[in-house]
Amino acid sequence: MGMLILFNKPYGVLCQFTGEPGRATLAGYIPVPGVYAAGRLDTDSEGLLVLTDDGALQARIADPRHKLAKTYLVQVEGVPDEAALAALRAGVDLGDFVTRPCQVRLVAEPAWLWPRVPPIRERKSIPTRWLEIVLKEGKNRQVRRMTAKLGFPTLRLVRARVGEWSLEGIAPGEWREILVEPVGVPTTPASTLPRQPRPSPRRNGAPLRRPLRRST
């Protein structure tokens, strides 16, 4: 069985285990050796980061050729009209590449979303709206570049889902460990992979994982 960690990355945390002094990294939240991020989130983005100790699974999750859908909640400055939404869905020419067609819709601000620390800088004279964007690729700062190209700068970006895995029940800075079949083992369909947490490793008698706050 492979190990998969679902981590709710806070704003300002680097998606790596080492970094410059004074910079927050994954090491401050996930004291588990031998796991690596399957894909990345920008330092100023938040939400679901998937880590694993299975190299083949890491590549499968991160590689856009496998078309694993990633769902983002995006707060933008301004109010995109239907023409702007259609342009995002069709694909945006960013100069160095054209984005693939994707799913985009206007949504209400999620009631379950935590306050960002620090808060975003809003201009009182300009309204903001939330978008749900589902991509099957994920190049460097792609979502931010897409919305900016159409005149709607991204103020806040939260990844809510990667494939079948979501942020549900995981507070910012916390993580959940699950077991999955190794890549290449065809006996268990992805939809029936076990989801129960296994006992966390311990150090000096204390659990390593942070306690999870359950949604009510």
N, C-alpha and C. Protein backbone atom coordinates (compact mmCIF):
# COMPACT_ATOMS: atom_id res chain seq x y z
N MET A 1 0.84 -1.20 0.00
CA MET A 1 0.00 0.00 0.00
C MET A 1 0.88 1.26 0.00
N GLY A 2 0.45 2.25 -0.75
CA GLY A 2 1.15 3.52 -0.74
C GLY A 2 0.53 4.48 0.27
N MET A 3 1.29 5.49 0.67
CA MET A 3 0.80 6.49 1.62
C MET A 3 0.50 7.78 0.87
N LEU A 4 -0.64 8.35 1.18
CA LEU A 4 -1.05 9.61 0.57
C LEU A 4 -1.40 10.57 1.70
N ILE A 5 -0.89 11.79 1.63
CA ILE A 5 -1.18 12.81 2.63
C ILE A 5 -1.94 13.95 1.95
N LEU A 6 -3.07 14.33 2.52
CA LEU A 6 -3.85 15.46 2.06
C LEU A 6 -3.62 16.60 3.04
N PHE A 7 -3.01 17.67 2.57
CA PHE A 7 -2.60 18.79 3.42
C PHE A 7 -3.30 20.05 2.97
N ASN A 8 -3.85 20.79 3.92
CA ASN A 8 -4.46 22.09 3.64
C ASN A 8 -3.39 23.16 3.84
N LYS A 9 -2.76 23.55 2.75
CA LYS A 9 -1.62 24.47 2.83
C LYS A 9 -2.09 25.90 3.12
N PRO A 10 -1.57 26.50 4.17
CA PRO A 10 -1.92 27.90 4.44
C PRO A 10 -1.21 28.85 3.48
N TYR A 11 -1.70 30.07 3.42
CA TYR A 11 -1.06 31.14 2.66
C TYR A 11 0.37 31.35 3.19
N GLY A 12 1.31 31.56 2.29
CA GLY A 12 2.67 31.90 2.69
C GLY A 12 3.60 30.73 2.94
N VAL A 13 3.09 29.49 2.82
CA VAL A 13 3.93 28.31 3.06
C VAL A 13 4.51 27.84 1.73
N LEU A 14 5.83 27.62 1.71
CA LEU A 14 6.50 27.10 0.52
C LEU A 14 6.16 25.63 0.33
N CYS A 15 5.98 25.21 -0.92
CA CYS A 15 5.68 23.79 -1.21
C CYS A 15 6.96 22.98 -1.30
N GLN A 16 7.75 23.02 -0.25
CA GLN A 16 8.99 22.26 -0.16
C GLN A 16 9.35 22.10 1.31
N PHE A 17 10.24 21.14 1.56
CA PHE A 17 10.58 20.84 2.95
C PHE A 17 11.79 21.63 3.44
N THR A 18 12.50 22.27 2.56
CA THR A 18 13.63 23.12 2.95
C THR A 18 13.44 24.49 2.33
N GLY A 19 14.04 25.50 2.92
CA GLY A 19 13.89 26.84 2.39
C GLY A 19 14.79 27.81 3.11
N GLU A 20 14.63 29.07 2.79
CA GLU A 20 15.42 30.10 3.42
C GLU A 20 15.01 30.27 4.88
N PRO A 21 15.96 30.64 5.75
CA PRO A 21 15.61 30.87 7.16
C PRO A 21 14.49 31.90 7.28
N GLY A 22 13.54 31.58 8.13
CA GLY A 22 12.43 32.48 8.35
C GLY A 22 11.25 32.27 7.42
N ARG A 23 11.40 31.38 6.43
CA ARG A 23 10.30 31.09 5.52
C ARG A 23 9.61 29.80 5.96
N ALA A 24 8.28 29.83 6.00
CA ALA A 24 7.52 28.64 6.39
C ALA A 24 7.59 27.60 5.28
N THR A 25 7.82 26.34 5.64
CA THR A 25 7.90 25.24 4.68
C THR A 25 7.02 24.10 5.15
N LEU A 26 6.92 23.07 4.33
CA LEU A 26 6.13 21.89 4.68
C LEU A 26 6.67 21.20 5.92
N ALA A 27 7.97 21.33 6.18
CA ALA A 27 8.58 20.67 7.33
C ALA A 27 7.97 21.14 8.65
N GLY A 28 7.44 22.34 8.68
CA GLY A 28 6.84 22.85 9.90
C GLY A 28 5.46 22.29 10.17
N TYR A 29 4.91 21.53 9.21
CA TYR A 29 3.55 21.01 9.35
C TYR A 29 3.48 19.49 9.20
N ILE A 30 4.37 18.91 8.41
CA ILE A 30 4.26 17.48 8.09
C ILE A 30 5.57 16.78 8.45
N PRO A 31 5.72 16.32 9.69
CA PRO A 31 6.95 15.66 10.12
C PRO A 31 6.99 14.18 9.73
N VAL A 32 6.81 13.91 8.45
CA VAL A 32 6.78 12.54 7.95
C VAL A 32 7.89 12.39 6.91
N PRO A 33 8.87 11.54 7.13
CA PRO A 33 9.96 11.40 6.15
C PRO A 33 9.52 10.64 4.91
N GLY A 34 10.18 10.96 3.79
CA GLY A 34 10.00 10.17 2.57
C GLY A 34 8.78 10.49 1.75
N VAL A 35 8.10 11.62 2.00
CA VAL A 35 6.96 12.00 1.18
C VAL A 35 7.30 13.25 0.37
N TYR A 36 6.69 13.35 -0.81
CA TYR A 36 6.98 14.46 -1.70
C TYR A 36 5.68 14.97 -2.30
N ALA A 37 5.66 16.27 -2.60
CA ALA A 37 4.45 16.87 -3.16
C ALA A 37 4.21 16.39 -4.58
N ALA A 38 2.96 16.03 -4.87
CA ALA A 38 2.55 15.65 -6.21
C ALA A 38 1.89 16.86 -6.84
N GLY A 39 2.69 17.70 -7.48
CA GLY A 39 2.21 18.99 -7.95
C GLY A 39 2.50 20.04 -6.89
N ARG A 40 2.31 21.30 -7.25
CA ARG A 40 2.67 22.39 -6.36
C ARG A 40 1.53 23.40 -6.24
N LEU A 41 1.64 24.23 -5.22
CA LEU A 41 0.80 25.41 -5.09
C LEU A 41 1.73 26.60 -4.86
N ASP A 42 1.42 27.74 -5.48
CA ASP A 42 2.23 28.92 -5.24
C ASP A 42 2.23 29.27 -3.76
N THR A 43 3.26 29.97 -3.33
CA THR A 43 3.36 30.37 -1.93
C THR A 43 2.15 31.18 -1.50
N ASP A 44 1.62 32.02 -2.41
CA ASP A 44 0.48 32.87 -2.05
C ASP A 44 -0.86 32.23 -2.36
N SER A 45 -0.87 30.94 -2.67
CA SER A 45 -2.10 30.19 -2.85
C SER A 45 -2.32 29.27 -1.67
N GLU A 46 -3.55 28.83 -1.50
CA GLU A 46 -3.92 28.01 -0.34
C GLU A 46 -4.62 26.74 -0.80
N GLY A 47 -4.82 25.83 0.17
CA GLY A 47 -5.68 24.70 -0.10
C GLY A 47 -4.96 23.38 -0.27
N LEU A 48 -5.59 22.49 -1.02
CA LEU A 48 -5.20 21.08 -1.04
C LEU A 48 -3.88 20.84 -1.75
N LEU A 49 -2.97 20.25 -1.01
CA LEU A 49 -1.70 19.78 -1.55
C LEU A 49 -1.62 18.29 -1.26
N VAL A 50 -1.36 17.50 -2.29
CA VAL A 50 -1.28 16.05 -2.15
C VAL A 50 0.19 15.64 -2.11
N LEU A 51 0.56 14.85 -1.11
CA LEU A 51 1.92 14.33 -0.99
C LEU A 51 1.86 12.81 -0.92
N THR A 52 2.91 12.15 -1.37
CA THR A 52 2.93 10.69 -1.36
C THR A 52 4.35 10.18 -1.26
N ASP A 53 4.49 8.93 -0.82
CA ASP A 53 5.80 8.27 -0.80
C ASP A 53 5.96 7.34 -2.01
N ASP A 54 4.99 7.36 -2.92
CA ASP A 54 4.99 6.50 -4.11
C ASP A 54 5.36 7.36 -5.32
N GLY A 55 6.58 7.15 -5.84
CA GLY A 55 7.05 7.98 -6.94
C GLY A 55 6.19 7.89 -8.18
N ALA A 56 5.69 6.70 -8.51
CA ALA A 56 4.85 6.54 -9.69
C ALA A 56 3.52 7.26 -9.50
N LEU A 57 2.96 7.18 -8.29
CA LEU A 57 1.71 7.88 -8.02
C LEU A 57 1.92 9.39 -8.05
N GLN A 58 3.05 9.85 -7.52
CA GLN A 58 3.38 11.28 -7.56
C GLN A 58 3.38 11.78 -9.00
N ALA A 59 4.02 11.04 -9.90
CA ALA A 59 4.09 11.44 -11.30
C ALA A 59 2.71 11.42 -11.95
N ARG A 60 1.90 10.43 -11.61
CA ARG A 60 0.58 10.32 -12.21
C ARG A 60 -0.32 11.49 -11.79
N ILE A 61 -0.24 11.88 -10.53
CA ILE A 61 -1.07 12.99 -10.05
C ILE A 61 -0.61 14.31 -10.66
N ALA A 62 0.70 14.50 -10.76
CA ALA A 62 1.24 15.79 -11.21
C ALA A 62 1.23 15.96 -12.72
N ASP A 63 1.28 14.87 -13.48
CA ASP A 63 1.43 14.94 -14.93
C ASP A 63 0.11 15.27 -15.61
N PRO A 64 0.02 16.39 -16.36
CA PRO A 64 -1.24 16.75 -17.01
C PRO A 64 -1.69 15.75 -18.07
N ARG A 65 -0.80 14.87 -18.53
CA ARG A 65 -1.20 13.88 -19.51
C ARG A 65 -2.26 12.93 -18.96
N HIS A 66 -2.31 12.78 -17.65
CA HIS A 66 -3.28 11.88 -17.03
C HIS A 66 -4.63 12.58 -16.78
N LYS A 67 -4.68 13.90 -17.07
CA LYS A 67 -5.93 14.67 -17.04
C LYS A 67 -6.67 14.55 -15.71
N LEU A 68 -5.92 14.63 -14.61
CA LEU A 68 -6.54 14.62 -13.29
C LEU A 68 -7.09 16.01 -13.01
N ALA A 69 -8.39 16.12 -12.81
CA ALA A 69 -9.02 17.42 -12.64
C ALA A 69 -8.63 18.05 -11.31
N LYS A 70 -8.38 19.35 -11.34
CA LYS A 70 -8.06 20.11 -10.14
C LYS A 70 -9.04 21.28 -10.06
N THR A 71 -9.71 21.40 -8.91
CA THR A 71 -10.74 22.41 -8.73
C THR A 71 -10.23 23.55 -7.86
N TYR A 72 -10.37 24.77 -8.37
CA TYR A 72 -9.90 25.96 -7.66
C TYR A 72 -11.07 26.90 -7.38
N LEU A 73 -11.06 27.50 -6.21
CA LEU A 73 -11.95 28.60 -5.88
C LEU A 73 -11.14 29.88 -5.96
N VAL A 74 -11.60 30.82 -6.77
CA VAL A 74 -10.78 31.97 -7.13
C VAL A 74 -11.57 33.25 -6.90
N GLN A 75 -11.07 34.11 -6.04
CA GLN A 75 -11.68 35.42 -5.84
C GLN A 75 -10.98 36.41 -6.76
N VAL A 76 -11.74 37.07 -7.61
CA VAL A 76 -11.16 38.00 -8.58
C VAL A 76 -11.68 39.41 -8.33
N GLU A 77 -10.88 40.36 -8.77
CA GLU A 77 -11.29 41.76 -8.70
C GLU A 77 -12.13 42.07 -9.93
N GLY A 78 -13.32 42.63 -9.70
CA GLY A 78 -14.22 42.89 -10.80
C GLY A 78 -15.28 41.81 -10.92
N VAL A 79 -16.18 41.97 -11.87
CA VAL A 79 -17.28 41.03 -12.07
C VAL A 79 -17.23 40.50 -13.50
N PRO A 80 -16.69 39.30 -13.70
CA PRO A 80 -16.62 38.76 -15.06
C PRO A 80 -18.01 38.56 -15.66
N ASP A 81 -18.17 38.98 -16.91
CA ASP A 81 -19.44 38.76 -17.60
C ASP A 81 -19.37 37.42 -18.34
N GLU A 82 -20.43 37.09 -19.05
CA GLU A 82 -20.49 35.79 -19.72
C GLU A 82 -19.43 35.67 -20.81
N ALA A 83 -19.10 36.78 -21.46
CA ALA A 83 -18.06 36.74 -22.48
C ALA A 83 -16.71 36.38 -21.87
N ALA A 84 -16.41 36.94 -20.70
CA ALA A 84 -15.14 36.63 -20.03
C ALA A 84 -15.11 35.17 -19.58
N LEU A 85 -16.24 34.69 -19.06
CA LEU A 85 -16.31 33.29 -18.63
C LEU A 85 -16.12 32.35 -19.83
N ALA A 86 -16.75 32.71 -20.95
CA ALA A 86 -16.62 31.89 -22.15
C ALA A 86 -15.18 31.87 -22.65
N ALA A 87 -14.48 33.00 -22.54
CA ALA A 87 -13.08 33.06 -22.97
C ALA A 87 -12.20 32.19 -22.07
N LEU A 88 -12.46 32.20 -20.79
CA LEU A 88 -11.71 31.34 -19.87
C LEU A 88 -11.95 29.87 -20.20
N ARG A 89 -13.21 29.53 -20.47
CA ARG A 89 -13.55 28.13 -20.77
C ARG A 89 -12.89 27.65 -22.06
N ALA A 90 -12.82 28.53 -23.04
CA ALA A 90 -12.32 28.13 -24.36
C ALA A 90 -10.81 27.97 -24.38
N GLY A 91 -10.10 28.68 -23.52
CA GLY A 91 -8.64 28.66 -23.52
C GLY A 91 -8.10 30.06 -23.73
N VAL A 92 -7.08 30.42 -22.97
CA VAL A 92 -6.53 31.77 -22.99
C VAL A 92 -5.11 31.73 -23.52
N ASP A 93 -4.81 32.60 -24.48
CA ASP A 93 -3.46 32.70 -25.03
C ASP A 93 -2.62 33.54 -24.08
N LEU A 94 -1.69 32.89 -23.37
CA LEU A 94 -0.85 33.57 -22.40
C LEU A 94 0.52 33.94 -22.97
N GLY A 95 0.67 33.80 -24.27
CA GLY A 95 1.92 34.17 -24.91
C GLY A 95 2.85 32.98 -25.07
N ASP A 96 3.24 32.36 -23.96
CA ASP A 96 4.12 31.20 -24.04
C ASP A 96 3.34 29.90 -24.25
N PHE A 97 2.04 29.91 -24.00
CA PHE A 97 1.19 28.75 -24.28
C PHE A 97 -0.27 29.18 -24.22
N VAL A 98 -1.12 28.36 -24.82
CA VAL A 98 -2.57 28.57 -24.77
C VAL A 98 -3.15 27.54 -23.82
N THR A 99 -3.93 27.99 -22.86
CA THR A 99 -4.49 27.07 -21.87
C THR A 99 -5.50 26.13 -22.52
N ARG A 100 -5.64 24.96 -21.95
CA ARG A 100 -6.62 24.00 -22.45
C ARG A 100 -8.04 24.44 -22.06
N PRO A 101 -9.04 24.00 -22.80
CA PRO A 101 -10.41 24.28 -22.38
C PRO A 101 -10.66 23.77 -20.97
N CYS A 102 -11.46 24.49 -20.21
CA CYS A 102 -11.69 24.13 -18.81
C CYS A 102 -13.12 24.50 -18.43
N GLN A 103 -13.49 24.14 -17.22
CA GLN A 103 -14.81 24.48 -16.69
C GLN A 103 -14.69 25.72 -15.80
N VAL A 104 -15.58 26.68 -15.99
CA VAL A 104 -15.57 27.91 -15.20
C VAL A 104 -17.01 28.31 -14.92
N ARG A 105 -17.29 28.69 -13.67
CA ARG A 105 -18.62 29.23 -13.35
C ARG A 105 -18.51 30.19 -12.17
N LEU A 106 -19.43 31.13 -12.12
CA LEU A 106 -19.52 32.03 -10.97
C LEU A 106 -20.14 31.27 -9.80
N VAL A 107 -19.61 31.48 -8.59
CA VAL A 107 -20.16 30.84 -7.40
C VAL A 107 -20.21 31.87 -6.27
N ALA A 108 -21.00 31.56 -5.26
CA ALA A 108 -21.01 32.39 -4.06
C ALA A 108 -19.76 32.08 -3.24
N GLU A 109 -19.37 33.03 -2.41
CA GLU A 109 -18.23 32.76 -1.52
C GLU A 109 -18.59 31.57 -0.63
N PRO A 110 -17.75 30.53 -0.59
CA PRO A 110 -18.08 29.34 0.19
C PRO A 110 -18.24 29.66 1.68
N ALA A 111 -19.34 29.18 2.26
CA ALA A 111 -19.60 29.44 3.68
C ALA A 111 -18.56 28.80 4.58
N TRP A 112 -17.93 27.70 4.10
CA TRP A 112 -16.98 26.97 4.93
C TRP A 112 -15.56 27.54 4.86
N LEU A 113 -15.34 28.53 3.99
CA LEU A 113 -13.99 29.02 3.76
C LEU A 113 -13.48 29.83 4.96
N TRP A 114 -12.29 29.56 5.36
CA TRP A 114 -11.66 30.23 6.50
C TRP A 114 -11.16 31.63 6.09
N PRO A 115 -11.03 32.55 7.05
CA PRO A 115 -10.45 33.86 6.73
C PRO A 115 -8.97 33.70 6.37
N ARG A 116 -8.54 34.45 5.37
CA ARG A 116 -7.13 34.37 5.01
C ARG A 116 -6.31 35.22 5.95
N VAL A 117 -5.11 34.72 6.29
CA VAL A 117 -4.18 35.47 7.14
C VAL A 117 -2.86 35.59 6.38
N PRO A 118 -2.47 36.84 5.99
CA PRO A 118 -3.18 38.11 6.19
C PRO A 118 -4.35 38.23 5.22
N PRO A 119 -5.30 39.13 5.51
CA PRO A 119 -6.45 39.28 4.61
C PRO A 119 -6.02 39.89 3.28
N ILE A 120 -6.85 39.66 2.25
CA ILE A 120 -6.55 40.25 0.95
C ILE A 120 -6.74 41.76 1.01
N ARG A 121 -6.13 42.45 0.04
CA ARG A 121 -6.29 43.89 -0.06
C ARG A 121 -7.41 44.19 -1.05
N GLU A 122 -8.52 44.63 -0.53
CA GLU A 122 -9.66 44.96 -1.39
C GLU A 122 -9.76 46.47 -1.57
N ARG A 123 -10.22 46.86 -2.76
CA ARG A 123 -10.49 48.27 -3.03
C ARG A 123 -12.00 48.49 -2.93
N LYS A 124 -12.41 49.37 -2.04
CA LYS A 124 -13.82 49.55 -1.74
C LYS A 124 -14.63 49.91 -2.98
N SER A 125 -14.00 50.56 -3.94
CA SER A 125 -14.73 51.01 -5.12
C SER A 125 -14.88 49.93 -6.17
N ILE A 126 -14.22 48.78 -5.99
CA ILE A 126 -14.27 47.71 -7.00
C ILE A 126 -14.81 46.44 -6.35
N PRO A 127 -15.91 45.90 -6.89
CA PRO A 127 -16.47 44.67 -6.31
C PRO A 127 -15.59 43.46 -6.65
N THR A 128 -15.81 42.39 -5.94
CA THR A 128 -15.10 41.13 -6.22
C THR A 128 -16.12 40.02 -6.40
N ARG A 129 -15.73 38.98 -7.12
CA ARG A 129 -16.58 37.80 -7.30
C ARG A 129 -15.73 36.55 -7.16
N TRP A 130 -16.41 35.43 -6.91
CA TRP A 130 -15.75 34.13 -6.81
C TRP A 130 -16.05 33.29 -8.04
N LEU A 131 -15.04 32.61 -8.52
CA LEU A 131 -15.16 31.66 -9.62
C LEU A 131 -14.77 30.28 -9.14
N GLU A 132 -15.39 29.27 -9.72
CA GLU A 132 -14.91 27.90 -9.58
C GLU A 132 -14.31 27.51 -10.92
N ILE A 133 -13.03 27.16 -10.92
CA ILE A 133 -12.31 26.80 -12.15
C ILE A 133 -11.79 25.39 -12.01
N VAL A 134 -12.11 24.54 -12.98
CA VAL A 134 -11.65 23.15 -12.98
C VAL A 134 -10.72 22.96 -14.16
N LEU A 135 -9.45 22.68 -13.86
CA LEU A 135 -8.41 22.50 -14.88
C LEU A 135 -7.95 21.06 -14.92
N LYS A 136 -7.43 20.66 -16.07
CA LYS A 136 -6.76 19.37 -16.18
C LYS A 136 -5.30 19.57 -16.58
N GLU A 137 -4.77 20.72 -16.21
CA GLU A 137 -3.36 21.04 -16.35
C GLU A 137 -3.03 21.98 -15.19
N GLY A 138 -1.79 22.37 -15.06
CA GLY A 138 -1.47 23.23 -13.94
C GLY A 138 -0.07 23.80 -14.06
N LYS A 139 0.11 24.72 -15.01
CA LYS A 139 1.42 25.33 -15.20
C LYS A 139 1.60 26.48 -14.21
N ASN A 140 2.83 26.97 -14.13
CA ASN A 140 3.20 27.95 -13.13
C ASN A 140 2.27 29.17 -13.16
N ARG A 141 1.59 29.40 -12.05
CA ARG A 141 0.71 30.55 -11.84
C ARG A 141 -0.35 30.67 -12.95
N GLN A 142 -0.80 29.55 -13.44
CA GLN A 142 -1.70 29.54 -14.59
C GLN A 142 -3.02 30.24 -14.33
N VAL A 143 -3.68 29.91 -13.23
CA VAL A 143 -4.99 30.51 -12.95
C VAL A 143 -4.86 32.02 -12.80
N ARG A 144 -3.86 32.47 -12.09
CA ARG A 144 -3.67 33.92 -11.91
C ARG A 144 -3.42 34.62 -13.25
N ARG A 145 -2.64 33.99 -14.10
CA ARG A 145 -2.36 34.58 -15.40
C ARG A 145 -3.60 34.60 -16.28
N MET A 146 -4.42 33.55 -16.20
CA MET A 146 -5.64 33.48 -17.00
C MET A 146 -6.59 34.62 -16.64
N THR A 147 -6.87 34.80 -15.36
CA THR A 147 -7.83 35.83 -14.97
C THR A 147 -7.27 37.23 -15.21
N ALA A 148 -5.97 37.42 -14.99
CA ALA A 148 -5.36 38.73 -15.21
C ALA A 148 -5.40 39.11 -16.68
N LYS A 149 -5.20 38.12 -17.56
CA LYS A 149 -5.19 38.41 -19.00
C LYS A 149 -6.54 38.97 -19.46
N LEU A 150 -7.61 38.57 -18.79
CA LEU A 150 -8.94 39.04 -19.15
C LEU A 150 -9.39 40.25 -18.33
N GLY A 151 -8.46 40.77 -17.51
CA GLY A 151 -8.76 41.99 -16.77
C GLY A 151 -9.37 41.80 -15.41
N PHE A 152 -9.24 40.59 -14.85
CA PHE A 152 -9.80 40.30 -13.53
C PHE A 152 -8.71 39.68 -12.64
N PRO A 153 -7.88 40.51 -12.02
CA PRO A 153 -6.77 39.98 -11.22
C PRO A 153 -7.26 39.07 -10.10
N THR A 154 -6.54 37.99 -9.86
CA THR A 154 -6.86 37.08 -8.77
C THR A 154 -6.41 37.67 -7.45
N LEU A 155 -7.32 37.75 -6.50
CA LEU A 155 -7.02 38.23 -5.15
C LEU A 155 -6.74 37.09 -4.19
N ARG A 156 -7.46 35.99 -4.38
CA ARG A 156 -7.29 34.84 -3.49
C ARG A 156 -7.54 33.57 -4.30
N LEU A 157 -6.71 32.55 -4.06
CA LEU A 157 -6.84 31.30 -4.80
C LEU A 157 -6.73 30.14 -3.82
N VAL A 158 -7.75 29.28 -3.84
CA VAL A 158 -7.80 28.12 -2.93
C VAL A 158 -8.06 26.87 -3.77
N ARG A 159 -7.16 25.89 -3.71
CA ARG A 159 -7.43 24.63 -4.40
C ARG A 159 -8.27 23.74 -3.48
N ALA A 160 -9.46 23.38 -3.96
CA ALA A 160 -10.40 22.64 -3.13
C ALA A 160 -10.37 21.15 -3.37
N ARG A 161 -9.93 20.73 -4.56
CA ARG A 161 -10.01 19.31 -4.90
C ARG A 161 -8.93 18.95 -5.92
N VAL A 162 -8.39 17.74 -5.77
CA VAL A 162 -7.49 17.15 -6.76
C VAL A 162 -8.04 15.76 -7.06
N GLY A 163 -8.56 15.56 -8.26
CA GLY A 163 -9.17 14.27 -8.58
C GLY A 163 -10.30 13.97 -7.61
N GLU A 164 -10.24 12.82 -6.96
CA GLU A 164 -11.29 12.42 -6.03
C GLU A 164 -11.05 12.90 -4.60
N TRP A 165 -9.92 13.55 -4.35
CA TRP A 165 -9.57 13.98 -3.00
C TRP A 165 -9.92 15.44 -2.79
N SER A 166 -10.45 15.78 -1.61
CA SER A 166 -10.88 17.14 -1.35
C SER A 166 -10.39 17.62 0.01
N LEU A 167 -10.64 18.90 0.27
CA LEU A 167 -10.27 19.53 1.54
C LEU A 167 -11.24 19.21 2.68
N GLU A 168 -12.32 18.55 2.40
CA GLU A 168 -13.38 18.38 3.38
C GLU A 168 -12.85 17.85 4.71
N GLY A 169 -13.16 18.57 5.78
CA GLY A 169 -12.78 18.14 7.12
C GLY A 169 -11.34 18.42 7.50
N ILE A 170 -10.58 19.13 6.65
CA ILE A 170 -9.17 19.40 6.95
C ILE A 170 -8.99 20.91 7.11
N ALA A 171 -8.67 21.36 8.30
CA ALA A 171 -8.50 22.78 8.57
C ALA A 171 -7.15 23.26 8.05
N PRO A 172 -6.96 24.57 7.85
CA PRO A 172 -5.68 25.08 7.38
C PRO A 172 -4.52 24.64 8.29
N GLY A 173 -3.44 24.18 7.68
CA GLY A 173 -2.27 23.74 8.45
C GLY A 173 -2.37 22.32 8.95
N GLU A 174 -3.50 21.63 8.67
CA GLU A 174 -3.67 20.26 9.13
C GLU A 174 -3.64 19.30 7.96
N TRP A 175 -3.52 18.00 8.25
CA TRP A 175 -3.39 17.02 7.19
C TRP A 175 -4.00 15.70 7.61
N ARG A 176 -4.31 14.90 6.60
CA ARG A 176 -4.88 13.57 6.81
C ARG A 176 -4.10 12.57 5.98
N GLU A 177 -3.86 11.41 6.55
CA GLU A 177 -3.13 10.36 5.85
C GLU A 177 -4.09 9.24 5.47
N ILE A 178 -3.99 8.78 4.22
CA ILE A 178 -4.81 7.67 3.76
C ILE A 178 -3.91 6.67 3.03
N LEU A 179 -4.41 5.47 2.82
CA LEU A 179 -3.68 4.42 2.11
C LEU A 179 -4.30 4.22 0.74
N VAL A 180 -3.46 4.02 -0.27
CA VAL A 180 -3.94 3.78 -1.63
C VAL A 180 -3.14 2.63 -2.23
N GLU A 181 -3.72 1.99 -3.24
CA GLU A 181 -3.00 0.96 -3.95
C GLU A 181 -1.84 1.59 -4.72
N PRO A 182 -0.68 0.93 -4.78
CA PRO A 182 0.42 1.46 -5.59
C PRO A 182 0.01 1.54 -7.06
N VAL A 183 0.57 2.52 -7.78
CA VAL A 183 0.30 2.64 -9.20
C VAL A 183 0.78 1.38 -9.92
N GLY A 184 -0.05 0.89 -10.86
CA GLY A 184 0.31 -0.32 -11.59
C GLY A 184 -0.37 -1.56 -11.05
N VAL A 185 -1.05 -1.45 -9.88
CA VAL A 185 -1.79 -2.58 -9.34
C VAL A 185 -3.24 -2.44 -9.80
N PRO A 186 -3.73 -3.28 -10.72
CA PRO A 186 -5.04 -3.06 -11.33
C PRO A 186 -6.21 -3.67 -10.58
N THR A 187 -5.97 -4.25 -9.41
CA THR A 187 -7.02 -5.02 -8.76
C THR A 187 -8.09 -4.17 -8.11
N THR A 188 -7.78 -2.91 -7.76
CA THR A 188 -8.73 -2.07 -7.03
C THR A 188 -9.00 -0.79 -7.79
N PRO A 189 -10.22 -0.55 -8.26
CA PRO A 189 -10.51 0.70 -8.97
C PRO A 189 -10.27 1.90 -8.07
N ALA A 190 -9.94 3.02 -8.68
CA ALA A 190 -9.66 4.23 -7.90
C ALA A 190 -10.82 4.61 -7.01
N SER A 191 -12.06 4.39 -7.50
CA SER A 191 -13.23 4.82 -6.74
C SER A 191 -13.44 4.02 -5.47
N THR A 192 -12.76 2.86 -5.34
CA THR A 192 -12.96 2.04 -4.15
C THR A 192 -11.70 1.94 -3.30
N LEU A 193 -10.73 2.80 -3.57
CA LEU A 193 -9.51 2.77 -2.76
C LEU A 193 -9.86 3.08 -1.31
N PRO A 194 -9.17 2.43 -0.36
CA PRO A 194 -9.48 2.67 1.05
C PRO A 194 -9.21 4.11 1.44
N ARG A 195 -10.06 4.65 2.28
CA ARG A 195 -9.95 6.04 2.70
C ARG A 195 -9.74 6.19 4.20
N GLN A 196 -9.67 5.08 4.93
CA GLN A 196 -9.54 5.20 6.37
C GLN A 196 -8.12 5.62 6.75
N PRO A 197 -7.96 6.54 7.75
CA PRO A 197 -6.63 6.91 8.19
C PRO A 197 -5.96 5.72 8.88
N ARG A 198 -4.65 5.61 8.77
CA ARG A 198 -3.96 4.61 9.55
C ARG A 198 -3.31 5.30 10.74
N PRO A 199 -2.95 4.55 11.78
CA PRO A 199 -2.37 5.19 12.96
C PRO A 199 -1.16 6.02 12.59
N SER A 200 -1.08 7.21 13.17
CA SER A 200 0.03 8.10 12.85
C SER A 200 1.29 7.65 13.57
N PRO A 201 2.49 7.92 12.99
CA PRO A 201 3.71 7.65 13.71
C PRO A 201 3.80 8.51 14.95
N ARG A 202 4.58 8.11 15.90
CA ARG A 202 4.68 8.84 17.15
C ARG A 202 6.14 9.13 17.45
N ARG A 203 6.38 10.19 18.16
CA ARG A 203 7.72 10.54 18.59
C ARG A 203 7.66 10.89 20.06
N ASN A 204 8.48 10.24 20.86
CA ASN A 204 8.49 10.44 22.31
C ASN A 204 7.10 10.27 22.91
N GLY A 205 6.33 9.34 22.34
CA GLY A 205 5.02 9.02 22.89
C GLY A 205 3.91 9.94 22.45
N ALA A 206 4.22 11.00 21.65
CA ALA A 206 3.19 11.96 21.25
C ALA A 206 2.88 11.81 19.77
N PRO A 207 1.62 11.91 19.37
CA PRO A 207 1.30 11.79 17.95
C PRO A 207 1.96 12.89 17.15
N LEU A 208 2.40 12.56 15.95
CA LEU A 208 3.02 13.56 15.09
C LEU A 208 1.98 14.42 14.39
N ARG A 209 0.83 13.84 14.03
CA ARG A 209 -0.12 14.62 13.25
C ARG A 209 -0.84 15.63 14.13
N ARG A 210 -1.26 16.68 13.51
CA ARG A 210 -2.06 17.69 14.22
C ARG A 210 -3.49 17.20 14.31
N PRO A 211 -4.19 17.47 15.39
CA PRO A 211 -5.60 17.02 15.47
C PRO A 211 -6.45 17.70 14.43
N LEU A 212 -7.39 16.94 13.87
CA LEU A 212 -8.30 17.48 12.87
C LEU A 212 -9.52 18.08 13.53
N ARG A 213 -9.94 19.24 13.04
CA ARG A 213 -11.18 19.83 13.49
C ARG A 213 -12.28 19.37 12.55
N ARG A 214 -13.27 18.71 13.05
CA ARG A 214 -14.35 18.21 12.22
C ARG A 214 -15.36 19.29 11.91
N SER A 215 -15.87 19.30 10.69
CA SER A 215 -16.91 20.26 10.32
C SER A 215 -18.21 19.91 11.03
N THR A 216 -18.98 20.94 11.38
CA THR A 216 -20.27 20.69 12.04
C THR A 216 -21.39 21.08 11.13
